[in-house]
Amino acid sequence: MGGESSAPEQDSAGSSDAGAPAPGPIEILVVDDEEVVRFVVAETLRRQGWIVHEAADGATALELLEVAVTAPDVMVFDLRMPTMDGSQLFARVRDRWPGVACVLMSGIGADEQVDELYRAGVNAVLPKPFSAEALVTTIASVVARRHA
């Protein structure tokens, strides 16, 4: 899918036994326009042994999905992004790749847009700021439910 960045770790991850993973490696697409947030989230997930791809906005995420051999297991995405916001990205992914579990990261708390996305099928919402443990536990839980 996309390019992976490498840099020193900046946050401690939760334990690797945070839930029952899918058979084989878990593949995750992280979409956030804030480079630091995207980096920390991606590195935290990589430390779990998961395959992580990154996109800085919704349009880039769709480009990565279009050329991918297989869709990722999970897409972790921000709500507020330039070019294409999280709501638009989610709608497109849900229509074209319905098997991708979607986890919304949002710093705006509970509002009407977040509620609409939840009703439309977002699998989980992670309110920013969140801990590495909460991130790992949420992803593991979403994957376990999808493969149960």
Foldseek 3Di string as FASTA:
>chain_A
DADDDDDDADAEADDLVLADADPDAAEEEEEALPPVVQNNLQVLVVVSVHHYHYYNHLVVVVVVQVPDPDHGQEYEYEQDHPPAGPVRSLVVCCVPPVNYAYEYEYQPPDDPSVVVVVVVHRPYYHHPPDHNHVSSNSVNVSRNVSRD
